[in-house]
Amino acid sequence: MILNIDTFIAEERPFWEELEGFLQRSGKEGGERFSLDEIRRFHYLYQRTSAGLGRLATFSAEPETKGYLENLIARAYADIHERRRIGWKRNKAQQLFRAFPQTFRHHINVFYLVLIITLVGASFGGFVLIKDPQAKAALLPFSHLHNSPEERVAQEMKEQGEHMSGHQAQFAGSLMAHNIKVAIFALGLGLTFGVGTLITLFYNGVILGAVSVDYIMAGQSTFLAGWLLPHGSIEIPAFLVAGQAGLVLAKALIGHGDRTPTSQRLRKILPDLTVLISGVAVMLIWAGLVESFFSQYHAPVIPYSLKISFGVIELLLLVLYLGLVGKQDDGRHDPS
C-alpha cells in the first residue's frame, strides 16, 4: 500500500495535537489528574502516534514532522514512566474514589436487578414470618436469632458491648475479613452464570426481611433501627454492589447478542470487576469499624436518635457519592 504523506498527516494531526494537549495539561504545576477514561485515551493516543512515526520513518521527506513526533513521543514516554516511577501511588486512592461510582453507574441496570431480587427475598422472608412465626428456625441460619427479640434486646442492653471490651479492634478485623470474603464469594458466584449470585441475594434478602419483621412485630423497631442503621447503611449496599459485580461477570460469560470471544469479554470487564470489589472492600472496612465501636452500644450509653441519625446521614452521603462523583466524565468512552 502506497502511503500518501500529505493525506496521512492531515488525518493523523488531530490525534497528535490531542496528545500534545494531554501533555500540556500534565505538565502544569501540580500536574492535572486524569480520569480512568482519560488515562486510557492518553495511552491510545501514545500508541497511535508511535505507530504513525513508524510509518513515516521509511520516508526521507517530512523531517520536521518526524522530529515533532519524536519529541512528542519522548515527552509522552517520559510522562508515562515518571508517573509509573512514582507509581501513580499518590493518585491511586483518588482514581478509585472517582472510578468506583463511575463504574457503579455504568452497570446501574444490573444493580437495579440486584436490588429487586433482594427486595423480593426480603418481602418473602417477612411474609412467611408473619404467616408462621414458628418458621423462624427454618428461615434464619443463626441460632441466636431463634430467641424472641425481647430476650435479645434485654441481653444487648445488659451487656452494652462489655463482651467486647478491649477487643473491639480484633472484632472489627474479623468482621472485615469475613464480610470481604463473603463479598468476593458473591462476585465469584457469577461464574455460575449468575445463578449462585441470584440465590445468594435472594436468601440474604429473606434473612433481612425475616429479622426486620421479627423485631417490628415484637415492638422493637427503634432498637432494630439503632442497631442496624449505623453499620448496615454501608454494609448492606456493599453486599448489593458485590452482587452487582457477580452479575456483571455472569453477563460477560453469557454474552447474549455479543459474538466477541468469551475470553475477550472477560478481559474487557476485568477492570470494572476490580474497581467494584475494591470499592466494596473499602465500604466493608468502614462498616466493620462502625459495627465494632458504635453499633454495639445502645441507649442510654448512645441515644437511639444519635445512632439512627448517624446511619441515615451515612446512607444519604453514600447515595450522593455513588450518584454524583465523577458524573461529568460518564460520557467519555474508551476509544479502543
Protein backbone atom coordinates (compact mmCIF):
# COMPACT_ATOMS: atom_id res chain seq x y z
CA MET A 1 0.00 0.00 0.00
CA ILE A 2 1.45 3.39 -1.06
CA LEU A 3 1.38 5.99 1.70
CA ASN A 4 0.12 9.42 0.70
CA ILE A 5 2.11 11.50 3.14
CA ASP A 6 0.00 14.65 2.90
CA THR A 7 -3.26 12.76 3.40
CA PHE A 8 -1.77 10.71 6.22
CA ILE A 9 -0.52 13.79 8.07
CA ALA A 10 -3.84 15.58 7.62
CA GLU A 11 -5.72 12.60 9.05
CA GLU A 12 -3.37 11.97 11.96
CA ARG A 13 -2.53 15.51 13.05
CA PRO A 14 -5.69 15.92 15.20
CA PHE A 15 -4.59 12.89 17.25
CA TRP A 16 -1.08 14.29 17.64
CA GLU A 17 -2.45 17.63 18.76
CA GLU A 18 -4.78 15.91 21.21
CA LEU A 19 -1.81 14.02 22.72
CA GLU A 20 0.11 17.28 22.96
CA GLY A 21 -2.86 18.78 24.79
CA PHE A 22 -2.73 15.96 27.32
CA LEU A 23 0.99 16.59 27.85
CA GLN A 24 0.42 20.30 28.35
CA ARG A 25 -2.24 19.57 30.97
CA SER A 26 0.04 17.04 32.64
CA GLY A 27 2.97 19.46 32.64
CA LYS A 28 1.14 22.19 34.50
CA GLU A 29 2.26 22.94 38.04
CA GLY A 30 0.96 20.18 40.25
CA GLY A 31 0.12 18.01 37.25
CA GLU A 32 -3.54 17.69 36.32
CA ARG A 33 -5.09 14.41 37.45
CA PHE A 34 -6.72 12.37 34.72
CA SER A 35 -9.80 10.20 35.00
CA LEU A 36 -9.63 6.49 34.17
CA ASP A 37 -11.11 7.09 30.70
CA GLU A 38 -8.65 9.92 30.08
CA ILE A 39 -5.75 7.67 31.01
CA ARG A 40 -6.98 5.08 28.51
CA ARG A 41 -7.34 7.78 25.86
CA PHE A 42 -3.83 9.05 26.59
CA HIS A 43 -2.43 5.54 26.16
CA TYR A 44 -4.34 5.09 22.91
CA LEU A 45 -3.00 8.39 21.51
CA TYR A 46 0.55 7.47 22.55
CA GLN A 47 0.30 4.12 20.73
CA ARG A 48 -1.27 5.70 17.64
CA THR A 49 1.37 8.44 17.46
CA SER A 50 4.17 5.87 17.84
CA ALA A 51 2.68 3.83 15.01
CA GLY A 52 2.44 6.96 12.89
CA LEU A 53 6.12 7.72 13.44
CA GLY A 54 6.97 4.18 12.44
CA ARG A 55 5.13 4.62 9.15
CA LEU A 56 6.84 7.94 8.43
CA ALA A 57 10.30 6.61 9.34
CA THR A 58 10.61 4.81 5.98
CA PHE A 59 10.48 8.13 4.13
CA SER A 60 13.19 10.73 3.90
CA ALA A 61 10.63 13.50 3.45
CA GLU A 62 8.95 15.45 6.25
CA PRO A 63 11.95 15.66 8.63
CA GLU A 64 10.20 18.41 10.61
CA THR A 65 7.14 16.21 11.13
CA LYS A 66 9.34 13.30 12.19
CA GLY A 67 11.20 15.49 14.64
CA TYR A 68 7.91 16.78 16.02
CA LEU A 69 6.61 13.25 16.53
CA GLU A 70 9.85 12.02 18.07
CA ASN A 71 9.74 14.86 20.58
CA LEU A 72 6.05 14.24 21.26
CA ILE A 73 6.56 10.51 21.84
CA ALA A 74 9.61 11.12 24.04
CA ARG A 75 7.59 13.51 26.21
CA ALA A 76 4.69 11.06 26.42
CA TYR A 77 7.05 8.20 27.27
CA ALA A 78 8.71 10.28 29.98
CA ASP A 79 5.33 11.31 31.37
CA ILE A 80 4.08 7.72 31.49
CA HIS A 81 7.18 6.36 33.16
CA GLU A 82 7.59 9.29 35.53
CA ARG A 83 4.06 8.67 36.72
CA ARG A 84 4.84 4.98 36.96
CA ARG A 85 8.03 5.73 38.85
CA ILE A 86 6.01 7.47 41.50
CA GLY A 87 3.63 4.61 40.64
CA TRP A 88 0.66 6.87 40.39
CA LYS A 89 0.62 5.94 44.10
CA ARG A 90 -0.50 9.39 45.05
CA ASN A 91 -3.41 9.15 42.65
CA LYS A 92 -4.49 5.55 43.14
CA ALA A 93 -6.86 6.26 46.00
CA GLN A 94 -8.19 9.32 44.20
CA GLN A 95 -8.67 7.33 40.98
CA LEU A 96 -10.57 4.64 42.86
CA PHE A 97 -12.60 7.34 44.61
CA ARG A 98 -13.85 8.50 41.20
CA ALA A 99 -13.73 5.23 39.27
CA PHE A 100 -15.88 3.34 41.78
CA PRO A 101 -19.05 5.45 41.41
CA GLN A 102 -18.45 5.80 37.65
CA THR A 103 -18.23 2.03 37.25
CA PHE A 104 -21.22 1.55 39.54
CA ARG A 105 -23.31 3.88 37.36
CA HIS A 106 -22.06 2.24 34.17
CA HIS A 107 -23.69 -1.00 35.35
CA ILE A 108 -26.62 0.64 37.13
CA ASN A 109 -29.23 -1.55 35.39
CA VAL A 110 -27.54 -4.62 36.85
CA PHE A 111 -27.68 -3.01 40.29
CA TYR A 112 -31.41 -2.41 39.88
CA LEU A 113 -31.84 -6.14 39.22
CA VAL A 114 -29.78 -6.93 42.33
CA LEU A 115 -31.93 -4.57 44.40
CA ILE A 116 -35.18 -6.07 43.08
CA ILE A 117 -34.06 -9.66 43.81
CA THR A 118 -33.03 -8.68 47.35
CA LEU A 119 -36.31 -6.85 48.00
CA VAL A 120 -38.30 -9.81 46.68
CA GLY A 121 -36.36 -12.05 49.10
CA ALA A 122 -36.98 -9.61 51.98
CA SER A 123 -40.70 -9.50 51.17
CA PHE A 124 -40.83 -13.28 51.07
CA GLY A 125 -38.98 -13.64 54.38
CA GLY A 126 -41.18 -11.08 56.09
CA PHE A 127 -44.40 -12.56 54.68
CA VAL A 128 -43.52 -16.10 55.78
CA LEU A 129 -42.72 -14.96 59.30
CA ILE A 130 -45.98 -13.01 59.57
CA LYS A 131 -47.95 -16.05 58.46
CA ASP A 132 -45.99 -18.53 60.56
CA PRO A 133 -43.79 -17.15 63.38
CA GLN A 134 -42.58 -20.70 64.06
CA ALA A 135 -40.83 -20.68 60.67
CA LYS A 136 -38.09 -18.54 62.19
CA ALA A 137 -35.90 -21.56 62.90
CA ALA A 138 -36.09 -22.61 59.26
CA LEU A 139 -35.57 -19.13 57.79
CA LEU A 140 -32.76 -17.80 59.97
CA PRO A 141 -29.38 -19.57 59.92
CA PHE A 142 -28.06 -18.16 63.21
CA SER A 143 -29.23 -19.81 66.43
CA HIS A 144 -29.08 -16.58 68.46
CA LEU A 145 -31.81 -15.18 66.19
CA HIS A 146 -34.20 -18.01 67.11
CA ASN A 147 -34.91 -16.49 70.53
CA SER A 148 -37.50 -13.76 70.95
CA PRO A 149 -36.41 -10.21 70.07
CA GLU A 150 -37.28 -9.12 73.63
CA GLU A 151 -34.74 -11.58 75.05
CA ARG A 152 -32.06 -10.50 72.59
CA VAL A 153 -32.67 -6.80 73.28
CA ALA A 154 -32.58 -7.35 77.04
CA GLN A 155 -29.27 -9.18 76.72
CA GLU A 156 -27.79 -6.46 74.48
CA MET A 157 -28.93 -3.71 76.84
CA LYS A 158 -27.39 -5.55 79.76
CA GLU A 159 -24.03 -6.16 78.11
CA GLN A 160 -23.64 -2.80 76.33
CA GLY A 161 -20.66 -4.17 74.43
CA GLU A 162 -18.93 -5.42 77.61
CA HIS A 163 -18.26 -8.79 75.96
CA MET A 164 -16.02 -6.92 73.50
CA SER A 165 -14.32 -4.62 75.98
CA GLY A 166 -10.70 -4.27 74.92
CA HIS A 167 -11.29 -6.47 71.89
CA GLN A 168 -13.10 -4.07 69.56
CA ALA A 169 -10.20 -3.89 67.13
CA GLN A 170 -9.94 -7.68 66.97
CA PHE A 171 -13.70 -7.96 66.46
CA ALA A 172 -13.58 -5.30 63.73
CA GLY A 173 -10.76 -7.13 61.96
CA SER A 174 -12.62 -10.43 61.99
CA LEU A 175 -15.78 -8.72 60.73
CA MET A 176 -13.90 -7.07 57.88
CA ALA A 177 -12.16 -10.29 56.84
CA HIS A 178 -15.39 -12.31 56.98
CA ASN A 179 -17.51 -9.76 55.13
CA ILE A 180 -14.92 -9.20 52.40
CA LYS A 181 -14.69 -12.97 51.87
CA VAL A 182 -18.48 -13.14 51.53
CA ALA A 183 -18.43 -10.25 49.05
CA ILE A 184 -15.72 -11.91 46.94
CA PHE A 185 -17.72 -15.14 47.09
CA ALA A 186 -20.81 -13.30 45.76
CA LEU A 187 -18.68 -11.98 42.91
CA GLY A 188 -17.17 -15.41 42.23
CA LEU A 189 -20.62 -16.98 42.03
CA GLY A 190 -21.04 -15.02 38.82
CA LEU A 191 -19.10 -17.91 37.28
CA THR A 192 -22.26 -19.99 37.70
CA PHE A 193 -23.75 -17.73 35.02
CA GLY A 194 -25.27 -15.67 37.80
CA VAL A 195 -27.44 -18.41 39.29
CA GLY A 196 -25.41 -18.65 42.51
CA THR A 197 -25.29 -14.87 42.87
CA LEU A 198 -29.07 -14.56 42.43
CA ILE A 199 -29.72 -17.29 45.02
CA THR A 200 -27.36 -15.61 47.49
CA LEU A 201 -29.01 -12.22 47.00
CA PHE A 202 -32.47 -13.68 47.42
CA TYR A 203 -31.53 -15.60 50.58
CA ASN A 204 -29.79 -12.58 52.11
CA GLY A 205 -32.99 -10.67 51.44
CA VAL A 206 -35.02 -13.42 53.15
CA ILE A 207 -32.86 -13.14 56.28
CA LEU A 208 -33.04 -9.34 56.31
CA GLY A 209 -36.82 -9.34 55.84
CA ALA A 210 -37.45 -12.02 58.46
CA VAL A 211 -35.24 -10.38 61.10
CA SER A 212 -36.80 -6.96 60.45
CA VAL A 213 -40.36 -8.28 60.72
CA ASP A 214 -39.46 -10.28 63.83
CA TYR A 215 -38.25 -7.15 65.65
CA ILE A 216 -41.08 -4.95 64.37
CA MET A 217 -43.80 -7.42 65.45
CA ALA A 218 -42.16 -7.56 68.89
CA GLY A 219 -42.30 -3.76 69.20
CA GLN A 220 -38.50 -3.41 68.97
CA SER A 221 -38.32 -1.36 65.75
CA THR A 222 -36.44 1.51 67.44
CA PHE A 223 -33.80 -0.86 68.78
CA LEU A 224 -33.55 -2.53 65.34
CA ALA A 225 -33.01 0.80 63.57
CA GLY A 226 -30.48 1.95 66.18
CA TRP A 227 -28.56 -1.30 65.96
CA LEU A 228 -28.72 -1.93 62.20
CA LEU A 229 -28.52 1.51 60.56
CA PRO A 230 -25.07 2.70 61.71
CA HIS A 231 -23.21 -0.16 60.02
CA GLY A 232 -25.97 -1.62 57.85
CA SER A 233 -26.44 1.55 55.82
CA ILE A 234 -22.99 0.85 54.36
CA GLU A 235 -22.67 -2.92 54.80
CA ILE A 236 -25.92 -3.86 53.04
CA PRO A 237 -25.24 -1.66 49.96
CA ALA A 238 -21.72 -3.12 49.86
CA PHE A 239 -23.12 -6.64 49.53
CA LEU A 240 -25.54 -5.39 46.86
CA VAL A 241 -22.63 -3.97 44.86
CA ALA A 242 -20.77 -7.27 45.29
CA GLY A 243 -23.82 -8.97 43.82
CA GLN A 244 -23.80 -6.40 41.03
CA ALA A 245 -20.20 -7.36 40.25
CA GLY A 246 -21.18 -11.05 40.20
CA LEU A 247 -23.94 -10.40 37.66
CA VAL A 248 -21.63 -8.23 35.54
CA LEU A 249 -19.31 -11.24 35.42
CA ALA A 250 -22.23 -13.52 34.56
CA LYS A 251 -23.35 -11.16 31.80
CA ALA A 252 -19.88 -11.26 30.25
CA LEU A 253 -19.87 -15.07 30.42
CA ILE A 254 -23.29 -15.40 28.79
CA GLY A 255 -22.54 -12.76 26.15
CA HIS A 256 -26.11 -12.60 24.88
CA GLY A 257 -26.06 -10.99 21.44
CA ASP A 258 -22.30 -10.43 21.62
CA ARG A 259 -20.19 -12.52 19.25
CA THR A 260 -16.94 -11.43 20.86
CA PRO A 261 -14.97 -14.44 22.20
CA THR A 262 -15.64 -15.16 25.88
CA SER A 263 -12.01 -14.60 26.88
CA GLN A 264 -12.08 -11.15 25.30
CA ARG A 265 -15.35 -10.25 27.02
CA LEU A 266 -13.89 -11.29 30.37
CA ARG A 267 -10.72 -9.27 29.82
CA LYS A 268 -12.85 -6.27 28.95
CA ILE A 269 -14.87 -6.31 32.17
CA LEU A 270 -11.97 -7.31 34.47
CA PRO A 271 -11.08 -3.66 35.28
CA ASP A 272 -14.70 -2.96 36.20
CA LEU A 273 -14.86 -6.01 38.47
CA THR A 274 -11.62 -4.96 40.16
CA VAL A 275 -12.90 -1.43 40.78
CA LEU A 276 -16.26 -2.65 42.10
CA ILE A 277 -14.86 -5.22 44.53
CA SER A 278 -12.16 -2.76 45.69
CA GLY A 279 -14.87 -0.21 46.48
CA VAL A 280 -16.86 -2.89 48.29
CA ALA A 281 -13.82 -3.77 50.41
CA VAL A 282 -13.39 -0.13 51.49
CA MET A 283 -17.10 0.07 52.38
CA LEU A 284 -16.90 -3.12 54.45
CA ILE A 285 -13.82 -1.90 56.30
CA TRP A 286 -15.73 1.20 57.35
CA ALA A 287 -18.83 -0.84 58.25
CA GLY A 288 -16.70 -3.17 60.39
CA LEU A 289 -15.25 -0.25 62.34
CA VAL A 290 -18.68 1.29 62.90
CA GLU A 291 -20.22 -2.02 64.00
CA SER A 292 -17.43 -2.70 66.47
CA PHE A 293 -17.04 0.74 68.03
CA PHE A 294 -20.53 2.22 67.65
CA SER A 295 -23.37 -0.17 66.77
CA GLN A 296 -22.77 -2.47 69.75
CA TYR A 297 -23.56 0.27 72.27
CA HIS A 298 -27.17 1.21 72.96
CA ALA A 299 -29.18 3.73 74.96
CA PRO A 300 -28.50 5.19 77.42
CA VAL A 301 -24.80 4.86 76.52
CA ILE A 302 -25.51 6.12 72.99
CA PRO A 303 -29.01 7.52 72.33
CA TYR A 304 -31.01 5.77 69.63
CA SER A 305 -31.71 9.10 67.96
CA LEU A 306 -27.99 9.69 67.51
CA LYS A 307 -27.39 6.19 66.12
CA ILE A 308 -30.33 6.38 63.72
CA SER A 309 -29.34 9.87 62.54
CA PHE A 310 -25.77 8.71 62.00
CA GLY A 311 -26.96 5.79 59.86
CA VAL A 312 -29.33 7.93 57.80
CA ILE A 313 -26.61 10.51 57.13
CA GLU A 314 -24.22 7.75 56.08
CA LEU A 315 -26.79 6.38 53.63
CA LEU A 316 -27.52 9.82 52.17
CA LEU A 317 -23.81 10.53 51.71
CA LEU A 318 -23.35 7.14 50.04
CA VAL A 319 -26.23 7.82 47.63
CA LEU A 320 -24.79 11.23 46.76
CA TYR A 321 -21.32 9.77 46.30
CA LEU A 322 -22.44 6.94 44.04
CA GLY A 323 -24.80 9.19 42.13
CA LEU A 324 -22.71 12.32 41.59
CA VAL A 325 -18.95 11.85 41.97
CA GLY A 326 -17.22 11.85 38.58
CA LYS A 327 -20.52 12.21 36.75
CA GLN A 328 -19.11 14.81 34.37
CA ASP A 329 -16.82 12.12 32.91
CA ASP A 330 -19.52 9.46 32.43
CA GLY A 331 -19.98 10.25 28.73
CA ARG A 332 -16.38 9.51 27.83
CA HIS A 333 -15.63 6.14 26.31
CA ASP A 334 -12.57 4.03 25.69
CA PRO A 335 -11.63 4.65 22.03
CA SER A 336 -10.13 1.20 21.63
